[in-house]
Amino acid sequence: MLISYFKLPLKKTMSSKLRITAGSLKGRHIFWNSKHIRPTPCMMRQRLFNWLQFDIRNKRCLDLFAGTGMLGIEALSRGAAHVTFIDEHHEACKDIEQNLINLKVTSYRILNQKIPTQLNIKADYIFCDPPYDLTASESLLNWMDSHFKGAILYFECRKPPAFPDHWHITKTAKQGQCLAYLIQIPDA
């Protein structure tokens, strides 16, 4: 279901671009203008989706601190059923929406707000790439722990936060300053 919060022209000149690496949209590009965005490096994106393989098909995903929206867009390209993109920066949300329109993708929702700890969202997979200087990581992790039982979390950071003890870290990787974790949030 397409939920549009922004009125955008179909063509917009944007300053930076990334290439989608696999799936039905492989080779297509996304563009953005926002200067505050630090996209997930291409090698990390490829590693993430190699970890997930075909498990992403027909799943509901949540792209927190979406930025360019590339992780959610890669998931849609690889067969995810739906992605909710959340970012507090209006310009980032406009760019994500424009890219999804240009790619003719319709199974998404964009929320232009801080992480909505009161909002009830369903997700099988969570992509979380917060700003490296995020100070509220403990409350963010507690929110995910209580609302996403059984979900798989991909978490990027510079320094590892104090993940809940009962979470099961299944994969880890490092590229430059970027640390990545694939985590199973337990059902109970």
N, C-alpha and C. Protein backbone atom coordinates (compact mmCIF):
# COMPACT_ATOMS: atom_id res chain seq x y z
N MET A 1 0.84 -1.17 0.00
CA MET A 1 0.00 0.00 0.00
C MET A 1 0.89 1.23 0.00
N LEU A 2 0.65 2.13 -0.92
CA LEU A 2 1.41 3.36 -1.04
C LEU A 2 0.78 4.43 -0.17
N ILE A 3 1.54 4.94 0.78
CA ILE A 3 1.09 6.05 1.60
C ILE A 3 2.01 7.21 1.31
N SER A 4 1.50 8.24 0.67
CA SER A 4 2.35 9.37 0.29
C SER A 4 2.11 10.53 1.23
N TYR A 5 3.16 10.99 1.87
CA TYR A 5 3.09 12.14 2.76
C TYR A 5 3.67 13.39 2.11
N PHE A 6 4.23 13.26 0.93
CA PHE A 6 4.96 14.35 0.32
C PHE A 6 4.48 14.56 -1.10
N LYS A 7 4.41 15.80 -1.52
CA LYS A 7 4.08 16.12 -2.90
C LYS A 7 5.40 16.37 -3.62
N LEU A 8 5.74 15.48 -4.53
CA LEU A 8 7.03 15.57 -5.21
C LEU A 8 6.87 15.49 -6.72
N PRO A 9 7.69 16.20 -7.45
CA PRO A 9 7.69 15.99 -8.90
C PRO A 9 8.34 14.65 -9.21
N LEU A 10 7.99 14.05 -10.33
CA LEU A 10 8.57 12.76 -10.67
C LEU A 10 10.05 12.85 -10.98
N LYS A 11 10.54 13.98 -11.43
CA LYS A 11 11.97 14.12 -11.70
C LYS A 11 12.53 15.17 -10.76
N LYS A 12 13.60 14.82 -10.11
CA LYS A 12 14.23 15.73 -9.17
C LYS A 12 15.74 15.49 -9.25
N THR A 13 16.50 16.53 -9.35
CA THR A 13 17.94 16.40 -9.40
C THR A 13 18.46 16.20 -7.98
N MET A 14 19.17 15.13 -7.75
CA MET A 14 19.73 14.85 -6.44
C MET A 14 21.23 14.73 -6.55
N SER A 15 21.92 14.92 -5.44
CA SER A 15 23.37 15.10 -5.50
C SER A 15 24.20 13.83 -5.34
N SER A 16 23.72 12.82 -4.67
CA SER A 16 24.49 11.61 -4.44
C SER A 16 23.69 10.40 -4.90
N LYS A 17 24.40 9.30 -5.20
CA LYS A 17 23.66 8.12 -5.66
C LYS A 17 24.32 6.84 -5.17
N LEU A 18 23.51 5.79 -5.08
CA LEU A 18 23.94 4.43 -4.75
C LEU A 18 23.26 3.47 -5.71
N ARG A 19 23.92 2.35 -5.98
CA ARG A 19 23.37 1.33 -6.88
C ARG A 19 22.79 0.19 -6.07
N ILE A 20 21.62 -0.29 -6.47
CA ILE A 20 20.99 -1.46 -5.86
C ILE A 20 21.75 -2.68 -6.35
N THR A 21 22.14 -3.57 -5.44
CA THR A 21 23.09 -4.63 -5.78
C THR A 21 22.47 -5.94 -6.26
N ALA A 22 21.21 -6.20 -5.95
CA ALA A 22 20.63 -7.49 -6.36
C ALA A 22 19.10 -7.41 -6.36
N GLY A 23 18.49 -8.46 -6.89
CA GLY A 23 17.04 -8.55 -6.90
C GLY A 23 16.42 -7.94 -8.14
N SER A 24 15.12 -7.70 -8.06
CA SER A 24 14.37 -7.21 -9.22
C SER A 24 14.76 -5.80 -9.64
N LEU A 25 15.37 -5.04 -8.74
CA LEU A 25 15.79 -3.67 -9.04
C LEU A 25 17.30 -3.55 -9.22
N LYS A 26 17.98 -4.68 -9.36
CA LYS A 26 19.45 -4.70 -9.48
C LYS A 26 19.93 -3.75 -10.56
N GLY A 27 20.96 -2.97 -10.21
CA GLY A 27 21.57 -2.05 -11.16
C GLY A 27 20.94 -0.67 -11.19
N ARG A 28 19.72 -0.54 -10.66
CA ARG A 28 19.07 0.77 -10.61
C ARG A 28 19.74 1.61 -9.53
N HIS A 29 19.59 2.89 -9.60
CA HIS A 29 20.20 3.80 -8.63
C HIS A 29 19.15 4.51 -7.79
N ILE A 30 19.55 4.85 -6.57
CA ILE A 30 18.76 5.77 -5.76
C ILE A 30 19.61 7.02 -5.58
N PHE A 31 18.93 8.14 -5.37
CA PHE A 31 19.59 9.43 -5.27
C PHE A 31 19.13 10.14 -3.99
N TRP A 32 19.96 11.03 -3.47
CA TRP A 32 19.55 11.83 -2.32
C TRP A 32 20.33 13.12 -2.26
N ASN A 33 19.74 14.11 -1.58
CA ASN A 33 20.35 15.42 -1.39
C ASN A 33 20.84 15.63 0.03
N SER A 34 20.24 14.97 0.97
CA SER A 34 20.50 15.24 2.38
C SER A 34 21.98 15.11 2.72
N LYS A 35 22.50 16.08 3.43
CA LYS A 35 23.92 16.11 3.77
C LYS A 35 24.24 15.34 5.05
N HIS A 36 23.23 15.05 5.88
CA HIS A 36 23.48 14.40 7.18
C HIS A 36 23.56 12.88 7.07
N ILE A 37 23.39 12.34 5.89
CA ILE A 37 23.28 10.88 5.73
C ILE A 37 24.65 10.22 5.60
N ARG A 38 24.80 9.09 6.29
CA ARG A 38 25.98 8.23 6.19
C ARG A 38 25.47 6.87 5.72
N PRO A 39 25.46 6.61 4.41
CA PRO A 39 24.89 5.35 3.92
C PRO A 39 25.70 4.14 4.38
N THR A 40 25.02 3.02 4.53
CA THR A 40 25.70 1.76 4.80
C THR A 40 26.61 1.44 3.63
N PRO A 41 27.89 1.15 3.88
CA PRO A 41 28.82 0.85 2.78
C PRO A 41 28.32 -0.33 1.94
N CYS A 42 28.59 -0.28 0.66
CA CYS A 42 28.13 -1.31 -0.28
C CYS A 42 28.52 -2.72 0.17
N MET A 43 29.77 -2.89 0.61
CA MET A 43 30.23 -4.22 1.05
C MET A 43 29.42 -4.71 2.25
N MET A 44 29.05 -3.80 3.16
CA MET A 44 28.24 -4.19 4.32
C MET A 44 26.82 -4.57 3.88
N ARG A 45 26.27 -3.82 2.92
CA ARG A 45 24.93 -4.18 2.42
C ARG A 45 24.95 -5.55 1.78
N GLN A 46 25.97 -5.81 0.97
CA GLN A 46 26.07 -7.13 0.33
C GLN A 46 26.23 -8.22 1.38
N ARG A 47 27.04 -7.96 2.39
CA ARG A 47 27.24 -8.95 3.46
C ARG A 47 25.92 -9.21 4.19
N LEU A 48 25.19 -8.15 4.53
CA LEU A 48 23.90 -8.30 5.21
C LEU A 48 22.98 -9.21 4.41
N PHE A 49 22.82 -8.92 3.13
CA PHE A 49 21.86 -9.70 2.34
C PHE A 49 22.40 -11.08 1.98
N ASN A 50 23.70 -11.28 2.01
CA ASN A 50 24.24 -12.64 1.92
C ASN A 50 23.89 -13.42 3.18
N TRP A 51 23.96 -12.76 4.34
CA TRP A 51 23.56 -13.40 5.59
C TRP A 51 22.09 -13.82 5.55
N LEU A 52 21.25 -12.94 5.01
CA LEU A 52 19.81 -13.20 5.00
C LEU A 52 19.39 -14.14 3.88
N GLN A 53 20.17 -14.17 2.78
CA GLN A 53 19.87 -14.98 1.61
C GLN A 53 18.44 -14.74 1.14
N PHE A 54 17.66 -15.80 1.05
CA PHE A 54 16.29 -15.69 0.53
C PHE A 54 15.25 -15.59 1.64
N ASP A 55 15.70 -15.52 2.90
CA ASP A 55 14.78 -15.45 4.03
C ASP A 55 13.96 -14.16 4.04
N ILE A 56 14.38 -13.15 3.33
CA ILE A 56 13.72 -11.85 3.34
C ILE A 56 12.42 -11.85 2.52
N ARG A 57 12.27 -12.82 1.63
CA ARG A 57 11.07 -12.88 0.77
C ARG A 57 9.80 -12.95 1.59
N ASN A 58 8.83 -12.11 1.18
CA ASN A 58 7.50 -12.06 1.78
C ASN A 58 7.51 -11.67 3.25
N LYS A 59 8.56 -11.02 3.71
CA LYS A 59 8.65 -10.60 5.11
C LYS A 59 8.38 -9.10 5.21
N ARG A 60 7.98 -8.68 6.42
CA ARG A 60 7.76 -7.26 6.73
C ARG A 60 9.03 -6.73 7.38
N CYS A 61 9.49 -5.58 6.88
CA CYS A 61 10.74 -5.01 7.37
C CYS A 61 10.53 -3.61 7.90
N LEU A 62 11.42 -3.23 8.80
CA LEU A 62 11.42 -1.90 9.38
C LEU A 62 12.82 -1.33 9.18
N ASP A 63 12.92 -0.17 8.54
CA ASP A 63 14.20 0.50 8.29
C ASP A 63 14.24 1.73 9.20
N LEU A 64 14.89 1.59 10.37
CA LEU A 64 15.00 2.67 11.35
C LEU A 64 16.19 3.57 11.01
N PHE A 65 16.06 4.86 11.26
CA PHE A 65 17.09 5.82 10.88
C PHE A 65 17.40 5.59 9.39
N ALA A 66 16.36 5.57 8.59
CA ALA A 66 16.43 5.09 7.21
C ALA A 66 17.46 5.83 6.35
N GLY A 67 17.65 7.12 6.56
CA GLY A 67 18.64 7.86 5.76
C GLY A 67 18.30 7.82 4.29
N THR A 68 19.08 7.10 3.51
CA THR A 68 18.81 6.96 2.07
C THR A 68 17.68 5.97 1.81
N GLY A 69 17.38 5.12 2.80
CA GLY A 69 16.38 4.07 2.60
C GLY A 69 16.95 2.85 1.89
N MET A 70 18.25 2.83 1.67
CA MET A 70 18.85 1.79 0.84
C MET A 70 18.66 0.39 1.41
N LEU A 71 18.74 0.21 2.72
CA LEU A 71 18.57 -1.14 3.26
C LEU A 71 17.15 -1.65 3.00
N GLY A 72 16.16 -0.80 3.22
CA GLY A 72 14.78 -1.19 2.94
C GLY A 72 14.52 -1.40 1.46
N ILE A 73 15.12 -0.56 0.62
CA ILE A 73 14.95 -0.69 -0.83
C ILE A 73 15.61 -1.98 -1.32
N GLU A 74 16.78 -2.31 -0.79
CA GLU A 74 17.42 -3.60 -1.14
C GLU A 74 16.52 -4.75 -0.73
N ALA A 75 15.89 -4.65 0.44
CA ALA A 75 14.98 -5.71 0.90
C ALA A 75 13.79 -5.84 -0.05
N LEU A 76 13.21 -4.72 -0.47
CA LEU A 76 12.09 -4.77 -1.42
C LEU A 76 12.53 -5.37 -2.75
N SER A 77 13.73 -5.02 -3.20
CA SER A 77 14.25 -5.56 -4.45
C SER A 77 14.40 -7.07 -4.37
N ARG A 78 14.67 -7.58 -3.18
CA ARG A 78 14.89 -9.02 -2.98
C ARG A 78 13.62 -9.75 -2.54
N GLY A 79 12.46 -9.09 -2.62
CA GLY A 79 11.20 -9.77 -2.41
C GLY A 79 10.50 -9.54 -1.08
N ALA A 80 10.96 -8.60 -0.26
CA ALA A 80 10.25 -8.30 0.98
C ALA A 80 8.82 -7.86 0.66
N ALA A 81 7.88 -8.22 1.51
CA ALA A 81 6.48 -7.90 1.27
C ALA A 81 6.17 -6.43 1.51
N HIS A 82 6.82 -5.84 2.51
CA HIS A 82 6.53 -4.46 2.89
C HIS A 82 7.69 -3.91 3.71
N VAL A 83 7.97 -2.61 3.56
CA VAL A 83 8.98 -1.95 4.38
C VAL A 83 8.40 -0.65 4.93
N THR A 84 8.58 -0.45 6.23
CA THR A 84 8.28 0.84 6.87
C THR A 84 9.61 1.55 7.07
N PHE A 85 9.72 2.74 6.50
CA PHE A 85 10.92 3.56 6.62
C PHE A 85 10.65 4.64 7.66
N ILE A 86 11.58 4.82 8.60
CA ILE A 86 11.43 5.87 9.60
C ILE A 86 12.70 6.70 9.65
N ASP A 87 12.52 8.00 9.52
CA ASP A 87 13.64 8.93 9.68
C ASP A 87 13.09 10.25 10.17
N GLU A 88 13.83 10.91 11.05
CA GLU A 88 13.37 12.18 11.61
C GLU A 88 13.63 13.36 10.69
N HIS A 89 14.41 13.20 9.67
CA HIS A 89 14.75 14.30 8.76
C HIS A 89 13.80 14.31 7.57
N HIS A 90 13.09 15.42 7.43
CA HIS A 90 12.09 15.57 6.38
C HIS A 90 12.69 15.39 4.99
N GLU A 91 13.86 15.98 4.76
CA GLU A 91 14.50 15.87 3.45
C GLU A 91 14.84 14.43 3.10
N ALA A 92 15.31 13.65 4.07
CA ALA A 92 15.60 12.23 3.83
C ALA A 92 14.33 11.49 3.44
N CYS A 93 13.23 11.75 4.14
CA CYS A 93 11.96 11.08 3.83
C CYS A 93 11.47 11.45 2.44
N LYS A 94 11.63 12.71 2.05
CA LYS A 94 11.24 13.13 0.70
C LYS A 94 12.07 12.39 -0.34
N ASP A 95 13.38 12.27 -0.09
CA ASP A 95 14.25 11.58 -1.05
C ASP A 95 13.89 10.09 -1.15
N ILE A 96 13.60 9.46 -0.02
CA ILE A 96 13.19 8.04 -0.04
C ILE A 96 11.92 7.89 -0.87
N GLU A 97 10.95 8.76 -0.60
CA GLU A 97 9.68 8.69 -1.33
C GLU A 97 9.90 8.87 -2.84
N GLN A 98 10.71 9.85 -3.21
CA GLN A 98 10.98 10.09 -4.63
C GLN A 98 11.62 8.87 -5.28
N ASN A 99 12.57 8.26 -4.58
CA ASN A 99 13.23 7.07 -5.13
C ASN A 99 12.24 5.92 -5.28
N LEU A 100 11.37 5.71 -4.31
CA LEU A 100 10.39 4.62 -4.39
C LEU A 100 9.40 4.86 -5.53
N ILE A 101 9.02 6.11 -5.73
CA ILE A 101 8.13 6.45 -6.85
C ILE A 101 8.85 6.16 -8.17
N ASN A 102 10.10 6.61 -8.29
CA ASN A 102 10.86 6.39 -9.52
C ASN A 102 11.09 4.91 -9.80
N LEU A 103 11.25 4.11 -8.73
CA LEU A 103 11.45 2.67 -8.88
C LEU A 103 10.14 1.91 -9.07
N LYS A 104 9.01 2.63 -8.94
CA LYS A 104 7.67 2.05 -9.08
C LYS A 104 7.40 0.97 -8.02
N VAL A 105 7.87 1.25 -6.81
CA VAL A 105 7.65 0.36 -5.66
C VAL A 105 6.42 0.88 -4.92
N THR A 106 5.56 -0.03 -4.46
CA THR A 106 4.33 0.40 -3.80
C THR A 106 4.14 -0.16 -2.39
N SER A 107 4.93 -1.11 -1.96
CA SER A 107 4.72 -1.74 -0.65
C SER A 107 5.56 -1.10 0.43
N TYR A 108 5.21 0.12 0.79
CA TYR A 108 5.99 0.81 1.80
C TYR A 108 5.14 1.82 2.55
N ARG A 109 5.73 2.28 3.64
CA ARG A 109 5.18 3.35 4.45
C ARG A 109 6.37 4.18 4.92
N ILE A 110 6.24 5.48 4.90
CA ILE A 110 7.31 6.36 5.36
C ILE A 110 6.80 7.18 6.52
N LEU A 111 7.54 7.16 7.62
CA LEU A 111 7.20 7.96 8.79
C LEU A 111 8.30 8.96 9.03
N ASN A 112 7.96 10.24 8.96
CA ASN A 112 8.91 11.33 9.18
C ASN A 112 8.82 11.72 10.65
N GLN A 113 9.58 11.00 11.49
CA GLN A 113 9.56 11.26 12.92
C GLN A 113 10.73 10.57 13.59
N LYS A 114 10.94 10.91 14.85
CA LYS A 114 11.94 10.18 15.62
C LYS A 114 11.41 8.78 15.83
N ILE A 115 12.23 7.91 16.35
CA ILE A 115 11.80 6.53 16.54
C ILE A 115 10.51 6.51 17.37
N PRO A 116 9.45 5.94 16.80
CA PRO A 116 8.13 6.01 17.43
C PRO A 116 7.92 4.92 18.47
N THR A 117 8.46 5.10 19.65
CA THR A 117 8.38 4.04 20.65
C THR A 117 6.95 3.74 21.08
N GLN A 118 6.01 4.61 20.76
CA GLN A 118 4.61 4.35 21.10
C GLN A 118 3.83 3.74 19.94
N LEU A 119 4.41 3.72 18.75
CA LEU A 119 3.73 3.22 17.57
C LEU A 119 3.84 1.70 17.50
N ASN A 120 2.75 1.04 17.19
CA ASN A 120 2.73 -0.41 17.08
C ASN A 120 3.01 -0.82 15.63
N ILE A 121 4.21 -1.30 15.38
CA ILE A 121 4.64 -1.70 14.03
C ILE A 121 5.00 -3.18 14.08
N LYS A 122 4.61 -3.91 13.07
CA LYS A 122 4.97 -5.33 12.96
C LYS A 122 6.14 -5.46 12.00
N ALA A 123 7.15 -6.26 12.38
CA ALA A 123 8.29 -6.47 11.50
C ALA A 123 8.94 -7.81 11.79
N ASP A 124 9.33 -8.49 10.72
CA ASP A 124 10.11 -9.72 10.84
C ASP A 124 11.60 -9.40 10.86
N TYR A 125 11.98 -8.33 10.14
CA TYR A 125 13.37 -7.89 10.05
C TYR A 125 13.44 -6.40 10.36
N ILE A 126 14.45 -6.03 11.13
CA ILE A 126 14.68 -4.63 11.47
C ILE A 126 16.08 -4.26 11.02
N PHE A 127 16.17 -3.18 10.27
CA PHE A 127 17.47 -2.63 9.87
C PHE A 127 17.66 -1.35 10.68
N CYS A 128 18.68 -1.31 11.49
CA CYS A 128 18.89 -0.17 12.38
C CYS A 128 20.31 0.33 12.22
N ASP A 129 20.42 1.50 11.62
CA ASP A 129 21.72 2.13 11.37
C ASP A 129 21.65 3.54 11.97
N PRO A 130 21.68 3.63 13.32
CA PRO A 130 21.52 4.94 13.96
C PRO A 130 22.76 5.81 13.78
N PRO A 131 22.59 7.11 14.02
CA PRO A 131 23.78 7.98 14.00
C PRO A 131 24.81 7.45 15.00
N TYR A 132 26.08 7.54 14.64
CA TYR A 132 27.12 7.02 15.51
C TYR A 132 27.15 7.70 16.87
N ASP A 133 26.63 8.93 16.95
CA ASP A 133 26.64 9.65 18.22
C ASP A 133 25.32 9.51 18.99
N LEU A 134 24.50 8.54 18.65
CA LEU A 134 23.23 8.33 19.32
C LEU A 134 23.46 8.12 20.82
N THR A 135 22.74 8.88 21.64
CA THR A 135 22.92 8.76 23.09
C THR A 135 21.83 7.93 23.75
N ALA A 136 20.76 7.67 23.05
CA ALA A 136 19.63 6.94 23.65
C ALA A 136 19.57 5.49 23.18
N SER A 137 20.72 4.86 22.97
CA SER A 137 20.70 3.51 22.43
C SER A 137 20.06 2.50 23.39
N GLU A 138 20.20 2.70 24.69
CA GLU A 138 19.60 1.75 25.64
C GLU A 138 18.08 1.75 25.54
N SER A 139 17.46 2.92 25.47
CA SER A 139 16.00 2.96 25.34
C SER A 139 15.55 2.41 23.99
N LEU A 140 16.33 2.65 22.94
CA LEU A 140 16.03 2.10 21.62
C LEU A 140 16.06 0.57 21.65
N LEU A 141 17.11 0.01 22.24
CA LEU A 141 17.24 -1.45 22.33
C LEU A 141 16.13 -2.06 23.19
N ASN A 142 15.78 -1.39 24.27
CA ASN A 142 14.69 -1.88 25.13
C ASN A 142 13.36 -1.87 24.39
N TRP A 143 13.12 -0.82 23.59
CA TRP A 143 11.90 -0.75 22.79
C TRP A 143 11.85 -1.90 21.79
N MET A 144 12.97 -2.16 21.10
CA MET A 144 13.00 -3.26 20.14
C MET A 144 12.80 -4.60 20.85
N ASP A 145 13.40 -4.76 22.03
CA ASP A 145 13.28 -6.00 22.77
C ASP A 145 11.83 -6.28 23.17
N SER A 146 11.10 -5.25 23.53
CA SER A 146 9.72 -5.46 23.98
C SER A 146 8.70 -5.51 22.85
N HIS A 147 9.01 -4.92 21.69
CA HIS A 147 8.02 -4.85 20.61
C HIS A 147 8.27 -5.77 19.43
N PHE A 148 9.43 -6.37 19.34
CA PHE A 148 9.75 -7.17 18.16
C PHE A 148 10.24 -8.56 18.53
N LYS A 149 9.48 -9.24 19.34
CA LYS A 149 9.82 -10.61 19.75
C LYS A 149 9.91 -11.50 18.51
N GLY A 150 11.00 -12.24 18.41
CA GLY A 150 11.19 -13.17 17.31
C GLY A 150 11.77 -12.55 16.05
N ALA A 151 11.98 -11.24 16.03
CA ALA A 151 12.49 -10.56 14.83
C ALA A 151 14.01 -10.73 14.70
N ILE A 152 14.49 -10.54 13.50
CA ILE A 152 15.92 -10.51 13.21
C ILE A 152 16.32 -9.03 13.10
N LEU A 153 17.36 -8.64 13.83
CA LEU A 153 17.82 -7.27 13.84
C LEU A 153 19.20 -7.16 13.21
N TYR A 154 19.33 -6.25 12.25
CA TYR A 154 20.63 -5.87 11.72
C TYR A 154 20.96 -4.54 12.36
N PHE A 155 22.08 -4.46 13.08
CA PHE A 155 22.42 -3.25 13.82
C PHE A 155 23.82 -2.80 13.44
N GLU A 156 23.96 -1.52 13.02
CA GLU A 156 25.25 -0.94 12.68
C GLU A 156 25.63 0.09 13.71
N CYS A 157 26.92 0.15 14.03
CA CYS A 157 27.39 1.13 15.00
C CYS A 157 28.90 1.29 14.89
N ARG A 158 29.43 2.26 15.59
CA ARG A 158 30.87 2.42 15.67
C ARG A 158 31.40 1.69 16.90
N LYS A 159 30.67 1.81 18.02
CA LYS A 159 31.03 1.11 19.26
C LYS A 159 29.84 0.25 19.65
N PRO A 160 30.08 -1.01 20.04
CA PRO A 160 28.95 -1.87 20.37
C PRO A 160 28.21 -1.38 21.61
N PRO A 161 26.88 -1.28 21.51
CA PRO A 161 26.09 -0.91 22.69
C PRO A 161 25.94 -2.12 23.61
N ALA A 162 25.31 -1.91 24.72
CA ALA A 162 25.04 -3.01 25.66
C ALA A 162 23.75 -3.70 25.20
N PHE A 163 23.91 -4.67 24.29
CA PHE A 163 22.74 -5.43 23.84
C PHE A 163 22.18 -6.22 25.02
N PRO A 164 20.86 -6.41 25.07
CA PRO A 164 20.29 -7.24 26.13
C PRO A 164 20.97 -8.62 26.17
N ASP A 165 21.22 -9.12 27.35
CA ASP A 165 21.94 -10.38 27.53
C ASP A 165 21.28 -11.57 26.85
N HIS A 166 19.97 -11.57 26.75
CA HIS A 166 19.25 -12.73 26.19
C HIS A 166 19.18 -12.69 24.66
N TRP A 167 19.68 -11.63 24.01
CA TRP A 167 19.70 -11.58 22.56
C TRP A 167 20.80 -12.50 22.05
N HIS A 168 20.55 -13.11 20.91
CA HIS A 168 21.52 -14.04 20.33
C HIS A 168 22.17 -13.40 19.10
N ILE A 169 23.44 -13.02 19.23
CA ILE A 169 24.18 -12.45 18.10
C ILE A 169 24.64 -13.61 17.22
N THR A 170 24.12 -13.63 15.98
CA THR A 170 24.41 -14.76 15.09
C THR A 170 25.56 -14.46 14.12
N LYS A 171 25.76 -13.18 13.78
CA LYS A 171 26.84 -12.80 12.84
C LYS A 171 27.38 -11.44 13.25
N THR A 172 28.67 -11.24 12.99
CA THR A 172 29.29 -9.93 13.19
C THR A 172 30.24 -9.65 12.02
N ALA A 173 30.44 -8.36 11.76
CA ALA A 173 31.37 -7.96 10.70
C ALA A 173 31.89 -6.57 11.03
N LYS A 174 33.03 -6.24 10.43
CA LYS A 174 33.61 -4.92 10.59
C LYS A 174 34.19 -4.46 9.26
N GLN A 175 33.92 -3.19 8.95
CA GLN A 175 34.52 -2.57 7.77
C GLN A 175 34.83 -1.13 8.15
N GLY A 176 36.10 -0.80 8.21
CA GLY A 176 36.51 0.53 8.66
C GLY A 176 36.02 0.76 10.08
N GLN A 177 35.29 1.87 10.30
CA GLN A 177 34.73 2.16 11.62
C GLN A 177 33.39 1.49 11.84
N CYS A 178 32.85 0.88 10.83
CA CYS A 178 31.50 0.32 10.88
C CYS A 178 31.50 -1.11 11.42
N LEU A 179 30.80 -1.31 12.53
CA LEU A 179 30.56 -2.65 13.08
C LEU A 179 29.14 -3.05 12.73
N ALA A 180 28.93 -4.29 12.39
CA ALA A 180 27.59 -4.77 12.04
C ALA A 180 27.30 -6.05 12.80
N TYR A 181 26.05 -6.16 13.24
CA TYR A 181 25.60 -7.33 13.99
C TYR A 181 24.30 -7.84 13.40
N LEU A 182 24.16 -9.13 13.31
CA LEU A 182 22.89 -9.75 12.98
C LEU A 182 22.46 -10.47 14.25
N ILE A 183 21.29 -10.11 14.75
CA ILE A 183 20.85 -10.54 16.07
C ILE A 183 19.45 -11.14 16.00
N GLN A 184 19.27 -12.26 16.68
CA GLN A 184 17.94 -12.85 16.84
C GLN A 184 17.37 -12.34 18.15
N ILE A 185 16.26 -11.62 18.08
CA ILE A 185 15.57 -11.19 19.30
C ILE A 185 14.67 -12.36 19.70
N PRO A 186 14.84 -12.90 20.90
CA PRO A 186 14.06 -14.08 21.29
C PRO A 186 12.56 -13.83 21.32
N ASP A 187 11.80 -14.93 21.13
CA ASP A 187 10.33 -14.86 21.17
C ASP A 187 9.80 -14.48 22.53
N ALA A 188 10.45 -14.91 23.57
CA ALA A 188 9.93 -14.65 24.91
C ALA A 188 10.99 -14.09 25.81
